[in-house]
Amino acid sequence: MIKTNAMKTLVISLMALGTLAATPAHADTLEIQGSATAGATSNTFGPITDTSYVGDGTSSVDLAGNYASADAWGNSHGTYRSSSYGEGYFDSTATFHHTLSIINSNAYATQYTMNFFIYYGALSINGYTTGTASYDLNINKVNGPTTSLFASGATLDASGSVVQTGQALDGAGTGGLGAEHWYAWNGTNISRDLGILDAGGMMTINFDLVTTARGILPSGSGLCGLAAAPAAAALTVVDPAFQCASIYASLGDPGDIEPDTLMPLNAVFGITGTPANPIPLPGTLSLVGVGLAALGLARRRH
């Protein structure tokens, strides 16, 4: 019994050490906005803000068959999405913004680390001679001078060329056939050292994601429909409002817009903190000493 109690005392002491690395308190602000212009018709959404979940979108269509859509959403626990799309002559943009304020509620200076999942996604262009699809992602620490923690962006044009800025995401590559071109990537986990916060201190992290899709396709130049044989001409139906050509840009969770959408199994998101000074607090040292002394006493009696 003495040996068992001594072991319990030591375990409790080590658990007290573990509490020094507790998850920090934080406050979230989520914001989305976007616009979709088809020909001369335009609609917008946002800016919309919340602390736990936010989501919305819009679309536009004109009499010539031009179409545009944009949507964005996100949760404080890490899921998010920005998507832009269009057909014909259009301009579409969607933005997701997440501000994370980290508060050191410990009684000692703490070293913080951020783990974040950059979702898979794609840029695609089909049937255009002039158009672009792009994403722009930036994560910055904004206390005092702004410090870039992560930056990645890419623009795909109608020739299939890609201009990559910042860090390329895992598995990024191009493909396509004929007038169809795409640029896609896999999910990417990132980890960044955020630095040290004194007791009671606060730091702010900004996450900004923008997707854009823009196309110039004069009305009628991208109509769908195959040339039919003369005998079948009467059976051929071509909808003059339907454009074959399209441009798409998306980065984020492809699931439905639901507040409880969870992260992928391989995704990592969160802020962790460890004592900046690894020396345990005096009270904790005393607990460990008691545990070790009790173990020694148990061995002598045994």
Foldseek 3Di string as FASTA:
>chain_A
DLLVVLQVLQVVLVVVQVCQWDFFDKWKKKFKKKKKFFPNDIDIDDRDIDTAKDWDKDKDADPLQKIWIWIKMDGPQAFIKTKIKIFAFMKIKMKIKMKMKTWQQDQFKKWKKWKHKWAKWKKKWADAPFKKKKKWKWKWWPDPNIDTFFTWMWMATQVQDIDIDTDDAAPWDKDDDDRMIMIIHHMHMDMGTPGMAGNGGMIMMMIMMMIMIGGHHHRQRFWDWDDDDPVCVVVTDTDSSHGPIMIMTMITDPDDRDSPDDDPPPGDGGMIIHGPDSDDDPVSVVSNVSSVVSNVVVVVVD
